[in-house]
N, C-alpha and C. Protein backbone atom coordinates (compact mmCIF):
# COMPACT_ATOMS: atom_id res chain seq x y z
N MET A 1 80.68 59.50 -69.02
CA MET A 1 81.58 58.52 -69.60
C MET A 1 82.44 57.92 -68.49
N PRO A 2 82.45 56.60 -68.35
CA PRO A 2 83.24 55.96 -67.29
C PRO A 2 84.73 56.20 -67.47
N LYS A 3 85.38 56.36 -66.36
CA LYS A 3 86.83 56.58 -66.35
C LYS A 3 87.53 55.24 -66.48
N GLU A 4 88.54 55.20 -67.32
CA GLU A 4 89.30 53.96 -67.51
C GLU A 4 90.29 53.79 -66.36
N ILE A 5 90.33 52.61 -65.80
CA ILE A 5 91.23 52.31 -64.70
C ILE A 5 92.38 51.47 -65.23
N ASN A 6 93.58 51.97 -65.03
CA ASN A 6 94.77 51.22 -65.45
C ASN A 6 95.18 50.30 -64.30
N PHE A 7 95.26 49.04 -64.57
CA PHE A 7 95.63 48.05 -63.58
C PHE A 7 97.10 47.74 -63.71
N ASN A 8 97.83 47.87 -62.62
CA ASN A 8 99.27 47.61 -62.63
C ASN A 8 99.51 46.42 -61.70
N GLU A 9 99.62 45.24 -62.30
CA GLU A 9 99.78 44.00 -61.54
C GLU A 9 101.06 44.01 -60.71
N ALA A 10 102.15 44.50 -61.27
CA ALA A 10 103.44 44.52 -60.57
C ALA A 10 103.36 45.39 -59.31
N LYS A 11 102.70 46.51 -59.42
CA LYS A 11 102.57 47.42 -58.27
C LYS A 11 101.71 46.77 -57.17
N LEU A 12 100.65 46.09 -57.58
CA LEU A 12 99.78 45.41 -56.62
C LEU A 12 100.55 44.31 -55.89
N LEU A 13 101.30 43.51 -56.63
CA LEU A 13 102.08 42.42 -56.02
C LEU A 13 103.16 42.97 -55.09
N SER A 14 103.80 44.05 -55.49
CA SER A 14 104.83 44.66 -54.67
C SER A 14 104.23 45.18 -53.36
N SER A 15 103.10 45.85 -53.45
CA SER A 15 102.43 46.38 -52.25
C SER A 15 102.00 45.25 -51.33
N THR A 16 101.50 44.18 -51.91
CA THR A 16 101.08 43.03 -51.11
C THR A 16 102.27 42.41 -50.40
N GLN A 17 103.38 42.30 -51.10
CA GLN A 17 104.60 41.74 -50.51
C GLN A 17 105.09 42.62 -49.36
N GLN A 18 105.04 43.93 -49.53
CA GLN A 18 105.45 44.85 -48.47
C GLN A 18 104.54 44.72 -47.25
N ALA A 19 103.24 44.53 -47.48
CA ALA A 19 102.30 44.37 -46.37
C ALA A 19 102.60 43.08 -45.61
N VAL A 20 102.91 42.02 -46.31
CA VAL A 20 103.25 40.75 -45.67
C VAL A 20 104.54 40.89 -44.86
N GLU A 21 105.55 41.53 -45.43
CA GLU A 21 106.81 41.75 -44.73
C GLU A 21 106.61 42.58 -43.47
N HIS A 22 105.73 43.58 -43.55
CA HIS A 22 105.43 44.40 -42.39
C HIS A 22 104.75 43.57 -41.30
N ALA A 23 103.80 42.75 -41.70
CA ALA A 23 103.09 41.90 -40.74
C ALA A 23 104.03 40.90 -40.06
N GLN A 24 105.06 40.46 -40.78
CA GLN A 24 106.04 39.51 -40.23
C GLN A 24 107.13 40.21 -39.42
N GLY A 25 107.13 41.53 -39.43
CA GLY A 25 108.14 42.28 -38.68
C GLY A 25 109.44 42.45 -39.43
N VAL A 26 109.46 42.10 -40.69
CA VAL A 26 110.66 42.22 -41.51
C VAL A 26 110.84 43.65 -42.02
N ARG A 27 109.75 44.32 -42.27
CA ARG A 27 109.79 45.67 -42.86
C ARG A 27 109.10 46.65 -41.92
N SER A 28 109.66 47.82 -41.82
CA SER A 28 109.06 48.88 -41.02
C SER A 28 108.50 49.92 -41.99
N LEU A 29 107.20 50.13 -41.92
CA LEU A 29 106.57 51.11 -42.80
C LEU A 29 106.50 52.46 -42.10
N LYS A 30 106.58 53.52 -42.87
CA LYS A 30 106.52 54.87 -42.34
C LYS A 30 105.10 55.15 -41.84
N THR A 31 105.01 55.62 -40.63
CA THR A 31 103.72 56.04 -40.09
C THR A 31 103.86 57.46 -39.57
N THR A 32 102.78 58.16 -39.60
CA THR A 32 102.76 59.54 -39.13
C THR A 32 101.66 59.69 -38.11
N LYS A 33 102.02 60.22 -36.95
CA LYS A 33 101.01 60.49 -35.93
C LYS A 33 100.48 61.89 -36.15
N MET A 34 99.18 61.98 -36.26
CA MET A 34 98.53 63.26 -36.48
C MET A 34 98.28 63.93 -35.13
N ALA A 35 98.44 65.24 -35.11
CA ALA A 35 98.14 65.99 -33.89
C ALA A 35 96.64 65.94 -33.63
N LYS A 36 96.29 65.80 -32.36
CA LYS A 36 94.86 65.76 -32.05
C LYS A 36 94.28 67.15 -32.18
N LYS A 37 92.98 67.19 -32.49
CA LYS A 37 92.30 68.47 -32.61
C LYS A 37 92.22 69.13 -31.24
N ALA A 38 92.29 70.43 -31.23
CA ALA A 38 92.17 71.17 -29.98
C ALA A 38 90.74 71.04 -29.47
N ALA A 39 90.61 70.87 -28.18
CA ALA A 39 89.29 70.73 -27.55
C ALA A 39 88.57 72.07 -27.56
N LYS A 40 87.25 72.00 -27.62
CA LYS A 40 86.44 73.21 -27.51
C LYS A 40 86.60 73.77 -26.10
N LEU A 41 86.60 75.07 -25.98
CA LEU A 41 86.78 75.71 -24.68
C LEU A 41 85.55 76.53 -24.32
N SER A 42 85.18 76.45 -23.07
CA SER A 42 84.05 77.24 -22.57
C SER A 42 84.51 78.68 -22.35
N PRO A 43 83.57 79.62 -22.33
CA PRO A 43 83.94 81.01 -22.04
C PRO A 43 84.66 81.14 -20.70
N ALA A 44 84.22 80.37 -19.71
CA ALA A 44 84.87 80.44 -18.38
C ALA A 44 86.31 79.95 -18.46
N LYS A 45 86.56 78.93 -19.27
CA LYS A 45 87.92 78.39 -19.42
C LYS A 45 88.83 79.43 -20.10
N ILE A 46 88.30 80.11 -21.11
CA ILE A 46 89.09 81.13 -21.80
C ILE A 46 89.44 82.26 -20.83
N LEU A 47 88.47 82.67 -20.05
CA LEU A 47 88.72 83.70 -19.03
C LEU A 47 89.78 83.24 -18.03
N LYS A 48 89.68 81.99 -17.61
CA LYS A 48 90.65 81.43 -16.66
C LYS A 48 92.07 81.42 -17.25
N ILE A 49 92.19 81.08 -18.53
CA ILE A 49 93.51 81.08 -19.19
C ILE A 49 94.07 82.50 -19.20
N ARG A 50 93.22 83.48 -19.56
CA ARG A 50 93.67 84.88 -19.60
C ARG A 50 94.10 85.35 -18.22
N GLN A 51 93.31 85.01 -17.21
CA GLN A 51 93.64 85.42 -15.84
C GLN A 51 94.91 84.74 -15.34
N ALA A 52 95.14 83.50 -15.74
CA ALA A 52 96.36 82.79 -15.34
C ALA A 52 97.60 83.48 -15.91
N LEU A 53 97.44 84.09 -17.09
CA LEU A 53 98.55 84.84 -17.69
C LEU A 53 98.66 86.25 -17.11
N LYS A 54 97.69 86.62 -16.24
CA LYS A 54 97.65 87.96 -15.65
C LYS A 54 97.67 89.03 -16.74
N ALA A 55 96.85 88.78 -17.78
CA ALA A 55 96.82 89.68 -18.92
C ALA A 55 95.46 90.35 -19.03
N SER A 56 95.49 91.63 -19.36
CA SER A 56 94.24 92.33 -19.66
C SER A 56 93.71 91.79 -20.98
N THR A 57 92.47 92.14 -21.28
CA THR A 57 91.88 91.68 -22.54
C THR A 57 92.70 92.15 -23.76
N PRO A 58 93.10 93.43 -23.83
CA PRO A 58 93.90 93.85 -24.99
C PRO A 58 95.26 93.13 -25.08
N VAL A 59 95.90 92.91 -23.95
CA VAL A 59 97.21 92.22 -23.96
C VAL A 59 97.03 90.77 -24.39
N PHE A 60 96.02 90.10 -23.83
CA PHE A 60 95.74 88.71 -24.20
C PHE A 60 95.42 88.61 -25.69
N ALA A 61 94.64 89.56 -26.19
CA ALA A 61 94.31 89.59 -27.62
C ALA A 61 95.57 89.72 -28.47
N SER A 62 96.50 90.56 -28.01
CA SER A 62 97.74 90.72 -28.78
C SER A 62 98.57 89.43 -28.76
N TYR A 63 98.54 88.68 -27.64
CA TYR A 63 99.23 87.39 -27.59
C TYR A 63 98.71 86.46 -28.68
N LEU A 64 97.40 86.50 -28.90
CA LEU A 64 96.76 85.58 -29.84
C LEU A 64 96.59 86.17 -31.24
N ASN A 65 96.99 87.44 -31.40
CA ASN A 65 96.87 88.15 -32.66
C ASN A 65 95.41 88.24 -33.13
N VAL A 66 94.54 88.55 -32.18
CA VAL A 66 93.13 88.79 -32.47
C VAL A 66 92.76 90.14 -31.84
N SER A 67 91.58 90.61 -32.13
CA SER A 67 91.15 91.89 -31.54
C SER A 67 90.64 91.68 -30.12
N PRO A 68 90.71 92.71 -29.30
CA PRO A 68 90.14 92.61 -27.96
C PRO A 68 88.64 92.29 -27.99
N ASP A 69 87.94 92.80 -29.00
CA ASP A 69 86.51 92.48 -29.14
C ASP A 69 86.28 90.99 -29.36
N THR A 70 87.19 90.36 -30.07
CA THR A 70 87.08 88.92 -30.28
C THR A 70 87.21 88.17 -28.96
N VAL A 71 88.19 88.55 -28.16
CA VAL A 71 88.38 87.91 -26.86
C VAL A 71 87.14 88.13 -25.99
N ARG A 72 86.63 89.35 -25.98
CA ARG A 72 85.42 89.64 -25.20
C ARG A 72 84.25 88.78 -25.67
N SER A 73 84.12 88.62 -26.98
CA SER A 73 83.04 87.79 -27.54
C SER A 73 83.18 86.34 -27.10
N TRP A 74 84.40 85.84 -27.06
CA TRP A 74 84.63 84.46 -26.59
C TRP A 74 84.23 84.33 -25.13
N GLU A 75 84.66 85.30 -24.33
CA GLU A 75 84.41 85.23 -22.89
C GLU A 75 82.94 85.47 -22.53
N ARG A 76 82.20 86.08 -23.42
CA ARG A 76 80.78 86.34 -23.16
C ARG A 76 79.87 85.41 -23.95
N LYS A 77 80.44 84.38 -24.54
CA LYS A 77 79.70 83.33 -25.25
C LYS A 77 78.94 83.84 -26.47
N ARG A 78 79.42 84.92 -27.08
CA ARG A 78 78.79 85.40 -28.31
C ARG A 78 79.41 84.74 -29.52
N LYS A 79 80.68 84.37 -29.40
CA LYS A 79 81.40 83.67 -30.47
C LYS A 79 82.21 82.55 -29.85
N LYS A 80 82.62 81.60 -30.70
CA LYS A 80 83.48 80.51 -30.24
C LYS A 80 84.78 80.55 -31.03
N PRO A 81 85.90 80.37 -30.35
CA PRO A 81 87.16 80.30 -31.09
C PRO A 81 87.19 79.02 -31.92
N SER A 82 87.89 79.08 -33.04
CA SER A 82 87.98 77.91 -33.90
C SER A 82 89.41 77.72 -34.39
N GLY A 83 89.68 76.55 -34.92
CA GLY A 83 90.94 76.22 -35.56
C GLY A 83 92.19 76.75 -34.90
N PRO A 84 92.89 77.67 -35.57
CA PRO A 84 94.16 78.18 -35.05
C PRO A 84 94.02 78.85 -33.69
N ALA A 85 92.91 79.55 -33.47
CA ALA A 85 92.72 80.22 -32.18
C ALA A 85 92.63 79.20 -31.05
N LEU A 86 91.96 78.08 -31.30
CA LEU A 86 91.87 77.03 -30.29
C LEU A 86 93.24 76.46 -29.96
N LYS A 87 94.05 76.26 -30.99
CA LYS A 87 95.41 75.75 -30.76
C LYS A 87 96.24 76.74 -29.95
N LEU A 88 96.12 78.02 -30.25
CA LEU A 88 96.85 79.03 -29.49
C LEU A 88 96.37 79.10 -28.05
N LEU A 89 95.07 78.98 -27.84
CA LEU A 89 94.54 78.97 -26.47
C LEU A 89 95.04 77.75 -25.71
N GLU A 90 95.09 76.62 -26.39
CA GLU A 90 95.62 75.39 -25.77
C GLU A 90 97.09 75.59 -25.39
N LEU A 91 97.84 76.21 -26.27
CA LEU A 91 99.24 76.50 -26.00
C LEU A 91 99.37 77.47 -24.82
N ALA A 92 98.52 78.49 -24.78
CA ALA A 92 98.55 79.45 -23.68
C ALA A 92 98.22 78.78 -22.35
N GLU A 93 97.34 77.79 -22.39
CA GLU A 93 96.97 77.09 -21.16
C GLU A 93 98.10 76.19 -20.66
N HIS A 94 98.73 75.46 -21.56
CA HIS A 94 99.72 74.47 -21.15
C HIS A 94 101.16 74.99 -21.11
N HIS A 95 101.43 76.06 -21.85
CA HIS A 95 102.78 76.63 -21.90
C HIS A 95 102.71 78.16 -21.87
N PRO A 96 102.23 78.72 -20.77
CA PRO A 96 102.07 80.18 -20.70
C PRO A 96 103.38 80.95 -20.88
N GLU A 97 104.49 80.31 -20.58
CA GLU A 97 105.78 80.99 -20.72
C GLU A 97 106.06 81.42 -22.15
N VAL A 98 105.42 80.78 -23.12
CA VAL A 98 105.58 81.17 -24.52
C VAL A 98 105.03 82.57 -24.76
N PHE A 99 104.00 82.93 -24.03
CA PHE A 99 103.31 84.20 -24.25
C PHE A 99 103.79 85.33 -23.35
N VAL A 100 104.16 85.03 -22.15
CA VAL A 100 104.54 86.07 -21.21
C VAL A 100 105.79 86.79 -21.72
N GLY A 101 105.68 88.11 -21.81
CA GLY A 101 106.81 88.89 -22.29
C GLY A 101 106.91 89.00 -23.79
N SER A 102 105.92 88.42 -24.52
CA SER A 102 106.01 88.45 -25.98
C SER A 102 105.18 89.56 -26.61
N ALA A 103 104.40 90.26 -25.81
CA ALA A 103 103.53 91.30 -26.39
C ALA A 103 104.30 92.56 -26.66
């Protein structure tokens, strides 16, 4: 059964007017910049980040709140870090001071 679409002419006209005002520089619309996705990291890069922190595998794992086996798997190309782990590795690479002394 087709869904009924309610058409709101006033809302459409208002939105159109706001778009015109924005194009003319009269109105400033809210924009949000999204954070870029963390880049994929090679096993060698992960090892380099850990060595730059002068951390053993267990200490580095505790910095990232993962198991030492997980770190070993990343460094030996058996697994790849994803999502939050990639962001934490990016943070460890660019701001190591956040991790040093936190274990």
